[in-house]
């Protein structure tokens, strides 16, 4: 794939939509394009957060380990980013990301990702929106799960 095609793909990712094409070209050039087969993991819960991944094609699941086994908590969509929480919070990976189909991603190193955030504060705002939306979704799911469990506890 040509560099200009990668730049065009990056422009479709909401957090990169306001970044100048020249900067996106540099990002595409300094990032690694990677492919995964269905069933392959991009990274594992507990790993060091050394990169973020932009989904260029395909699909994946976000999975967390629990005492009851693995729990799928979300689907990864086209043009979304995963792995940024470990970079932003400087913590280990909070979940495993597993390809559910052939998957193509752009792997952005921690160094380049943090540089982009410092150069483009509007990107940081967009990431906050994405994270707030995920938190809102998770809170709603937890609330529903607790509500479903409450009648059982009252018995």
N, C-alpha and C. Protein backbone atom coordinates (compact mmCIF):
# COMPACT_ATOMS: atom_id res chain seq x y z
N UNK A 1 0.84 -1.19 0.00
CA UNK A 1 0.00 0.00 0.00
C UNK A 1 0.88 1.25 0.00
N UNK A 2 0.46 2.24 -0.71
CA UNK A 2 1.22 3.47 -0.82
C UNK A 2 1.06 4.33 0.43
N UNK A 3 2.05 5.17 0.69
CA UNK A 3 2.03 6.04 1.85
C UNK A 3 0.79 6.94 1.84
N UNK A 4 0.42 7.46 0.65
CA UNK A 4 -0.74 8.36 0.59
C UNK A 4 -2.03 7.61 0.94
N UNK A 5 -2.09 6.31 0.63
CA UNK A 5 -3.25 5.51 1.01
C UNK A 5 -3.32 5.36 2.54
N UNK A 6 -2.17 5.16 3.16
CA UNK A 6 -2.13 5.05 4.62
C UNK A 6 -2.56 6.37 5.25
N UNK A 7 -2.11 7.49 4.68
CA UNK A 7 -2.50 8.81 5.19
C UNK A 7 -4.01 8.97 5.09
N UNK A 8 -4.58 8.56 3.96
CA UNK A 8 -6.03 8.66 3.77
C UNK A 8 -6.77 7.79 4.79
N UNK A 9 -6.23 6.60 5.08
CA UNK A 9 -6.85 5.72 6.08
C UNK A 9 -6.77 6.36 7.47
N UNK A 10 -5.63 6.97 7.78
CA UNK A 10 -5.48 7.63 9.09
C UNK A 10 -6.46 8.79 9.24
N UNK A 11 -6.72 9.51 8.16
CA UNK A 11 -7.66 10.65 8.22
C UNK A 11 -9.07 10.19 8.58
N UNK A 12 -9.39 8.94 8.31
CA UNK A 12 -10.73 8.41 8.64
C UNK A 12 -10.86 8.08 10.13
N UNK A 13 -9.72 8.00 10.82
CA UNK A 13 -9.74 7.71 12.26
C UNK A 13 -10.07 9.02 12.98
N UNK A 14 -11.17 9.04 13.74
CA UNK A 14 -11.61 10.30 14.35
C UNK A 14 -10.52 11.08 15.09
N UNK A 15 -9.66 10.39 15.85
CA UNK A 15 -8.66 11.14 16.62
C UNK A 15 -7.60 11.81 15.75
N UNK A 16 -7.46 11.37 14.49
CA UNK A 16 -6.47 11.95 13.59
C UNK A 16 -7.08 12.89 12.56
N UNK A 17 -8.39 13.04 12.54
CA UNK A 17 -9.07 13.75 11.45
C UNK A 17 -8.65 15.20 11.28
N UNK A 18 -8.20 15.85 12.35
CA UNK A 18 -7.84 17.28 12.26
C UNK A 18 -6.33 17.51 12.11
N UNK A 19 -5.58 16.43 11.97
CA UNK A 19 -4.13 16.57 11.86
C UNK A 19 -3.75 16.79 10.40
N UNK A 20 -2.80 17.69 10.19
CA UNK A 20 -2.35 18.05 8.84
C UNK A 20 -1.82 16.81 8.11
N UNK A 21 -2.10 16.71 6.79
CA UNK A 21 -1.64 15.55 6.01
C UNK A 21 -0.13 15.32 6.12
N UNK A 22 0.67 16.37 6.19
CA UNK A 22 2.13 16.19 6.29
C UNK A 22 2.51 15.46 7.58
N UNK A 23 1.82 15.78 8.68
CA UNK A 23 2.08 15.10 9.96
C UNK A 23 1.59 13.65 9.90
N UNK A 24 0.46 13.44 9.24
CA UNK A 24 -0.05 12.07 9.10
C UNK A 24 0.89 11.23 8.24
N UNK A 25 1.49 11.84 7.25
CA UNK A 25 2.45 11.14 6.40
C UNK A 25 3.65 10.70 7.24
N UNK A 26 4.11 11.59 8.11
CA UNK A 26 5.22 11.27 8.99
C UNK A 26 4.82 10.14 9.95
N UNK A 27 3.60 10.22 10.48
CA UNK A 27 3.11 9.18 11.38
C UNK A 27 3.05 7.83 10.66
N UNK A 28 2.50 7.83 9.45
CA UNK A 28 2.42 6.58 8.68
C UNK A 28 3.81 6.03 8.38
N UNK A 29 4.74 6.92 8.07
CA UNK A 29 6.11 6.51 7.75
C UNK A 29 6.84 5.93 8.96
N UNK A 30 6.57 6.49 10.14
CA UNK A 30 7.28 6.05 11.35
C UNK A 30 6.56 4.93 12.10
N UNK A 31 5.39 4.53 11.61
CA UNK A 31 4.64 3.46 12.25
C UNK A 31 4.82 2.16 11.47
N UNK A 32 4.48 1.07 12.11
CA UNK A 32 4.61 -0.24 11.48
C UNK A 32 3.24 -0.78 11.08
N UNK A 33 3.12 -1.17 9.83
CA UNK A 33 1.89 -1.81 9.36
C UNK A 33 2.03 -3.30 9.66
N UNK A 34 1.03 -3.87 10.35
CA UNK A 34 1.11 -5.25 10.77
C UNK A 34 -0.18 -5.97 10.42
N UNK A 35 -0.07 -7.29 10.21
CA UNK A 35 -1.25 -8.10 9.94
C UNK A 35 -1.31 -9.24 10.96
N UNK A 36 -2.53 -9.62 11.28
CA UNK A 36 -2.78 -10.72 12.22
C UNK A 36 -3.83 -11.63 11.61
N UNK A 37 -3.73 -12.90 11.94
CA UNK A 37 -4.73 -13.88 11.52
C UNK A 37 -5.82 -13.95 12.58
N UNK A 38 -7.00 -14.42 12.19
CA UNK A 38 -8.07 -14.62 13.16
C UNK A 38 -7.56 -15.51 14.29
N UNK A 39 -7.81 -15.12 15.51
CA UNK A 39 -7.36 -15.88 16.68
C UNK A 39 -6.04 -15.42 17.25
N UNK A 40 -5.29 -14.60 16.50
CA UNK A 40 -4.02 -14.08 17.00
C UNK A 40 -4.26 -12.89 17.92
N UNK A 41 -3.41 -12.76 18.95
CA UNK A 41 -3.51 -11.63 19.87
C UNK A 41 -2.55 -10.52 19.46
N UNK A 42 -3.05 -9.26 19.51
CA UNK A 42 -2.20 -8.10 19.27
C UNK A 42 -1.32 -7.87 20.48
N UNK A 43 -1.93 -8.00 21.66
CA UNK A 43 -1.21 -7.91 22.93
C UNK A 43 -2.06 -8.56 24.00
N UNK A 44 -1.45 -8.81 25.16
CA UNK A 44 -2.11 -9.52 26.26
C UNK A 44 -2.28 -8.62 27.47
N UNK A 45 -3.35 -8.88 28.20
CA UNK A 45 -3.57 -8.19 29.47
C UNK A 45 -2.33 -8.39 30.33
N UNK A 46 -1.82 -7.30 30.91
CA UNK A 46 -0.63 -7.37 31.76
C UNK A 46 0.67 -7.04 31.04
N UNK A 47 0.67 -7.07 29.69
CA UNK A 47 1.87 -6.70 28.93
C UNK A 47 2.22 -5.23 29.16
N UNK A 48 3.45 -4.88 28.87
CA UNK A 48 3.88 -3.49 28.91
C UNK A 48 3.22 -2.75 27.75
N UNK A 49 2.72 -1.55 28.00
CA UNK A 49 2.09 -0.75 26.96
C UNK A 49 3.12 0.02 26.16
N UNK A 50 3.58 -0.56 25.05
CA UNK A 50 4.65 0.06 24.27
C UNK A 50 4.17 0.67 22.96
N UNK A 51 2.86 0.51 22.63
CA UNK A 51 2.35 1.02 21.37
C UNK A 51 0.83 1.08 21.40
N UNK A 52 0.30 1.91 20.51
CA UNK A 52 -1.14 1.95 20.26
C UNK A 52 -1.36 1.39 18.86
N UNK A 53 -2.54 0.89 18.59
CA UNK A 53 -2.83 0.26 17.31
C UNK A 53 -4.08 0.88 16.68
N UNK A 54 -3.96 1.28 15.42
CA UNK A 54 -5.10 1.78 14.67
C UNK A 54 -5.60 0.64 13.78
N UNK A 55 -6.89 0.35 13.86
CA UNK A 55 -7.48 -0.74 13.08
C UNK A 55 -7.76 -0.25 11.66
N UNK A 56 -7.02 -0.79 10.69
CA UNK A 56 -7.17 -0.40 9.29
C UNK A 56 -8.17 -1.29 8.56
N UNK A 57 -8.23 -2.57 8.93
CA UNK A 57 -9.23 -3.48 8.36
C UNK A 57 -9.36 -4.68 9.28
N UNK A 58 -10.54 -5.30 9.22
CA UNK A 58 -10.78 -6.48 10.05
C UNK A 58 -11.47 -6.14 11.35
N UNK A 59 -11.53 -7.14 12.23
CA UNK A 59 -12.22 -6.97 13.51
C UNK A 59 -11.48 -7.72 14.60
N UNK A 60 -11.75 -7.31 15.84
CA UNK A 60 -11.10 -7.93 17.00
C UNK A 60 -12.01 -7.81 18.21
N UNK A 61 -11.71 -8.61 19.23
CA UNK A 61 -12.41 -8.56 20.51
C UNK A 61 -11.48 -8.02 21.56
N UNK A 62 -12.05 -7.31 22.53
CA UNK A 62 -11.32 -6.89 23.71
C UNK A 62 -11.75 -7.83 24.82
N UNK A 63 -10.77 -8.49 25.42
CA UNK A 63 -11.04 -9.56 26.39
C UNK A 63 -10.29 -9.27 27.68
N UNK A 64 -10.98 -9.47 28.81
CA UNK A 64 -10.30 -9.35 30.11
C UNK A 64 -10.35 -10.69 30.81
N UNK A 65 -9.30 -10.97 31.56
CA UNK A 65 -9.24 -12.19 32.34
C UNK A 65 -9.91 -11.95 33.68
N UNK A 66 -10.63 -12.96 34.15
CA UNK A 66 -11.28 -12.88 35.45
C UNK A 66 -11.16 -14.24 36.12
N UNK A 67 -11.49 -14.32 37.41
CA UNK A 67 -11.45 -15.63 38.07
C UNK A 67 -12.34 -16.66 37.38
N UNK A 68 -13.38 -16.19 36.68
CA UNK A 68 -14.30 -17.10 35.99
C UNK A 68 -13.82 -17.42 34.57
N UNK A 69 -12.69 -16.87 34.18
CA UNK A 69 -12.18 -17.10 32.82
C UNK A 69 -12.17 -15.81 32.01
N UNK A 70 -12.02 -15.94 30.70
CA UNK A 70 -11.98 -14.77 29.82
C UNK A 70 -13.39 -14.22 29.60
N UNK A 71 -13.49 -12.89 29.60
CA UNK A 71 -14.76 -12.22 29.34
C UNK A 71 -14.55 -11.23 28.20
N UNK A 72 -15.37 -11.37 27.16
CA UNK A 72 -15.32 -10.40 26.07
C UNK A 72 -16.06 -9.15 26.53
N UNK A 73 -15.38 -8.00 26.51
CA UNK A 73 -16.01 -6.78 27.00
C UNK A 73 -16.39 -5.82 25.87
N UNK A 74 -15.80 -5.99 24.68
CA UNK A 74 -16.13 -5.08 23.57
C UNK A 74 -15.62 -5.64 22.25
N UNK A 75 -16.18 -5.09 21.18
CA UNK A 75 -15.70 -5.33 19.83
C UNK A 75 -14.84 -4.15 19.42
N UNK A 76 -13.84 -4.42 18.60
CA UNK A 76 -13.02 -3.35 18.05
C UNK A 76 -13.53 -3.06 16.65
N UNK A 77 -13.77 -1.80 16.37
CA UNK A 77 -14.31 -1.40 15.08
C UNK A 77 -13.23 -0.84 14.17
N UNK A 78 -13.54 -0.83 12.89
CA UNK A 78 -12.69 -0.22 11.88
C UNK A 78 -12.44 1.24 12.23
N UNK A 79 -11.23 1.72 12.01
CA UNK A 79 -10.82 3.10 12.26
C UNK A 79 -10.77 3.47 13.74
N UNK A 80 -10.76 2.47 14.61
CA UNK A 80 -10.64 2.78 16.03
C UNK A 80 -9.21 2.55 16.48
N UNK A 81 -8.94 2.96 17.70
CA UNK A 81 -7.59 2.82 18.25
C UNK A 81 -7.69 1.99 19.53
N UNK A 82 -6.72 1.10 19.71
CA UNK A 82 -6.66 0.28 20.93
C UNK A 82 -5.23 0.36 21.48
N UNK A 83 -5.12 0.13 22.77
CA UNK A 83 -3.80 0.10 23.38
C UNK A 83 -3.34 1.44 23.91
N UNK A 84 -4.15 2.47 23.75
CA UNK A 84 -3.73 3.80 24.17
C UNK A 84 -3.82 4.00 25.68
N UNK A 85 -4.67 3.24 26.36
CA UNK A 85 -4.83 3.42 27.80
C UNK A 85 -3.52 3.13 28.54
N UNK A 86 -2.85 2.04 28.16
CA UNK A 86 -1.60 1.68 28.82
C UNK A 86 -0.54 2.77 28.61
N UNK A 87 -0.56 3.40 27.44
CA UNK A 87 0.40 4.48 27.15
C UNK A 87 0.05 5.73 27.97
N UNK A 88 -1.22 6.12 27.93
CA UNK A 88 -1.63 7.36 28.59
C UNK A 88 -1.52 7.28 30.10
N UNK A 89 -1.84 6.12 30.67
CA UNK A 89 -1.83 5.97 32.12
C UNK A 89 -0.52 5.38 32.63
N UNK A 90 0.37 5.00 31.72
CA UNK A 90 1.65 4.39 32.06
C UNK A 90 1.45 3.17 32.97
N UNK A 91 0.53 2.30 32.53
CA UNK A 91 0.22 1.07 33.26
C UNK A 91 0.36 -0.11 32.29
N UNK A 92 0.30 -1.32 32.82
CA UNK A 92 0.33 -2.48 31.94
C UNK A 92 -1.00 -2.58 31.19
N UNK A 93 -1.05 -3.40 30.17
CA UNK A 93 -2.25 -3.56 29.35
C UNK A 93 -3.42 -3.97 30.22
N UNK A 94 -4.56 -3.31 30.03
CA UNK A 94 -5.75 -3.58 30.83
C UNK A 94 -6.60 -4.71 30.26
N UNK A 95 -6.29 -5.13 29.03
CA UNK A 95 -7.06 -6.19 28.38
C UNK A 95 -6.22 -6.84 27.29
N UNK A 96 -6.72 -7.95 26.79
CA UNK A 96 -6.14 -8.63 25.63
C UNK A 96 -6.96 -8.22 24.42
N UNK A 97 -6.29 -7.99 23.28
CA UNK A 97 -7.00 -7.72 22.03
C UNK A 97 -6.70 -8.88 21.09
N UNK A 98 -7.78 -9.55 20.63
CA UNK A 98 -7.65 -10.75 19.80
C UNK A 98 -8.39 -10.56 18.48
N UNK A 99 -7.69 -10.81 17.38
CA UNK A 99 -8.30 -10.70 16.06
C UNK A 99 -9.40 -11.74 15.91
N UNK A 100 -10.54 -11.32 15.35
CA UNK A 100 -11.64 -12.25 15.08
C UNK A 100 -11.77 -12.51 13.59
N UNK A 101 -10.97 -11.80 12.82
CA UNK A 101 -10.89 -11.97 11.37
C UNK A 101 -9.48 -11.55 10.98
N UNK A 102 -9.09 -11.75 9.71
CA UNK A 102 -7.80 -11.19 9.32
C UNK A 102 -7.81 -9.69 9.64
N UNK A 103 -6.75 -9.23 10.25
CA UNK A 103 -6.71 -7.87 10.81
C UNK A 103 -5.47 -7.15 10.31
N UNK A 104 -5.65 -5.91 9.92
CA UNK A 104 -4.53 -5.07 9.51
C UNK A 104 -4.53 -3.84 10.40
N UNK A 105 -3.37 -3.54 10.98
CA UNK A 105 -3.27 -2.42 11.91
C UNK A 105 -2.04 -1.58 11.61
N UNK A 106 -2.07 -0.38 12.13
CA UNK A 106 -0.89 0.47 12.13
C UNK A 106 -0.45 0.58 13.57
N UNK A 107 0.77 0.11 13.86
CA UNK A 107 1.30 0.11 15.22
C UNK A 107 2.10 1.40 15.42
N UNK A 108 1.64 2.22 16.37
CA UNK A 108 2.28 3.51 16.65
C UNK A 108 3.02 3.38 17.98
N UNK A 109 4.32 3.59 17.95
CA UNK A 109 5.11 3.45 19.17
C UNK A 109 4.68 4.47 20.22
N UNK A 110 4.93 4.13 21.47
CA UNK A 110 4.59 5.01 22.59
C UNK A 110 5.21 6.39 22.38
N UNK A 111 6.46 6.43 21.98
CA UNK A 111 7.18 7.69 21.78
C UNK A 111 6.47 8.57 20.74
N UNK A 112 6.12 7.99 19.58
CA UNK A 112 5.46 8.76 18.54
C UNK A 112 4.04 9.17 18.94
N UNK A 113 3.35 8.29 19.65
CA UNK A 113 1.99 8.59 20.09
C UNK A 113 2.00 9.78 21.06
N UNK A 114 2.89 9.76 22.03
CA UNK A 114 2.96 10.84 23.01
C UNK A 114 3.41 12.15 22.35
N UNK A 115 4.30 12.06 21.36
CA UNK A 115 4.72 13.27 20.63
C UNK A 115 3.54 13.88 19.89
N UNK A 116 2.72 13.04 19.26
CA UNK A 116 1.52 13.54 18.58
C UNK A 116 0.59 14.26 19.54
N UNK A 117 0.41 13.69 20.73
CA UNK A 117 -0.46 14.32 21.71
C UNK A 117 0.06 15.69 22.13
N UNK A 118 1.37 15.82 22.27
CA UNK A 118 1.91 17.12 22.67
C UNK A 118 1.84 18.12 21.52
N UNK A 119 1.98 17.64 20.28
CA UNK A 119 1.91 18.54 19.12
C UNK A 119 0.48 18.93 18.77
N UNK A 120 -0.48 18.07 19.08
CA UNK A 120 -1.87 18.30 18.68
C UNK A 120 -2.81 18.12 19.87
N UNK A 121 -2.99 19.18 20.66
CA UNK A 121 -3.89 19.08 21.82
C UNK A 121 -5.31 18.65 21.43
N UNK A 122 -5.74 18.99 20.21
CA UNK A 122 -7.09 18.59 19.79
C UNK A 122 -7.20 17.07 19.69
N UNK A 123 -6.09 16.39 19.42
CA UNK A 123 -6.09 14.94 19.40
C UNK A 123 -6.31 14.39 20.81
N UNK A 124 -5.70 15.05 21.79
CA UNK A 124 -5.89 14.64 23.18
C UNK A 124 -7.35 14.79 23.60
N UNK A 125 -7.99 15.86 23.14
CA UNK A 125 -9.41 16.07 23.45
C UNK A 125 -10.25 14.95 22.83
N UNK A 126 -9.94 14.58 21.60
CA UNK A 126 -10.69 13.51 20.92
C UNK A 126 -10.49 12.18 21.65
N UNK A 127 -9.28 11.92 22.12
CA UNK A 127 -9.02 10.68 22.87
C UNK A 127 -9.82 10.69 24.18
N UNK A 128 -9.89 11.86 24.83
CA UNK A 128 -10.70 11.94 26.05
C UNK A 128 -12.16 11.61 25.75
N UNK A 129 -12.66 12.07 24.61
CA UNK A 129 -14.04 11.75 24.23
C UNK A 129 -14.22 10.24 24.05
N UNK A 130 -13.27 9.62 23.36
CA UNK A 130 -13.33 8.17 23.13
C UNK A 130 -13.31 7.42 24.46
N UNK A 131 -12.39 7.81 25.34
CA UNK A 131 -12.28 7.13 26.64
C UNK A 131 -13.51 7.38 27.50
N UNK A 132 -14.05 8.60 27.47
CA UNK A 132 -15.25 8.90 28.24
C UNK A 132 -16.44 8.09 27.73
N UNK A 133 -16.52 7.91 26.41
CA UNK A 133 -17.59 7.11 25.83
C UNK A 133 -17.47 5.65 26.27
N UNK A 134 -16.23 5.13 26.27
CA UNK A 134 -16.02 3.75 26.73
C UNK A 134 -16.40 3.60 28.20
N UNK A 135 -16.01 4.58 29.02
CA UNK A 135 -16.33 4.54 30.44
C UNK A 135 -17.84 4.59 30.65
N UNK A 136 -18.52 5.45 29.91
CA UNK A 136 -19.97 5.55 30.00
C UNK A 136 -20.63 4.21 29.64
N UNK A 137 -20.15 3.58 28.57
CA UNK A 137 -20.68 2.29 28.12
C UNK A 137 -20.45 1.22 29.19
N UNK A 138 -19.25 1.18 29.75
CA UNK A 138 -18.91 0.20 30.78
C UNK A 138 -19.75 0.41 32.03
N UNK A 139 -19.93 1.67 32.43
CA UNK A 139 -20.74 1.98 33.61
C UNK A 139 -22.18 1.52 33.40
N UNK A 140 -22.72 1.76 32.21
CA UNK A 140 -24.08 1.32 31.91
C UNK A 140 -24.20 -0.20 31.99
N UNK A 141 -23.21 -0.91 31.46
CA UNK A 141 -23.23 -2.37 31.51
C UNK A 141 -23.13 -2.88 32.95
N UNK A 142 -22.26 -2.26 33.75
CA UNK A 142 -22.13 -2.67 35.15
C UNK A 142 -23.41 -2.41 35.92
N UNK A 143 -24.03 -1.28 35.66
CA UNK A 143 -25.28 -0.94 36.33
C UNK A 143 -26.36 -1.96 35.98
N UNK A 144 -26.45 -2.32 34.71
CA UNK A 144 -27.43 -3.32 34.28
C UNK A 144 -27.14 -4.68 34.90
N UNK A 145 -25.87 -5.06 34.97
CA UNK A 145 -25.50 -6.35 35.56
C UNK A 145 -25.82 -6.38 37.05
N UNK A 146 -25.55 -5.28 37.75
CA UNK A 146 -25.86 -5.23 39.18
C UNK A 146 -27.36 -5.26 39.42
N UNK A 147 -28.12 -4.54 38.58
CA UNK A 147 -29.56 -4.53 38.71
C UNK A 147 -30.14 -5.92 38.51
N UNK A 148 -29.58 -6.65 37.55
CA UNK A 148 -30.04 -8.02 37.30
C UNK A 148 -29.71 -8.95 38.46
N UNK A 149 -28.63 -8.65 39.15
CA UNK A 149 -28.19 -9.51 40.26
C UNK A 149 -28.93 -9.19 41.57
N UNK A 150 -29.38 -7.96 41.74
CA UNK A 150 -30.03 -7.54 42.98
C UNK A 150 -31.23 -8.42 43.37
N UNK A 151 -32.16 -8.72 42.43
CA UNK A 151 -33.29 -9.58 42.84
C UNK A 151 -32.84 -10.94 43.37
N UNK A 152 -31.76 -11.47 42.81
CA UNK A 152 -31.25 -12.77 43.27
C UNK A 152 -30.75 -12.65 44.70
N UNK A 153 -30.09 -11.54 45.02
CA UNK A 153 -29.52 -11.35 46.34
C UNK A 153 -30.62 -11.16 47.39
N UNK A 154 -31.75 -10.59 46.99
CA UNK A 154 -32.85 -10.33 47.93
C UNK A 154 -33.56 -11.61 48.34
N UNK A 155 -33.44 -12.65 47.55
CA UNK A 155 -34.14 -13.91 47.84
C UNK A 155 -33.50 -14.67 48.95
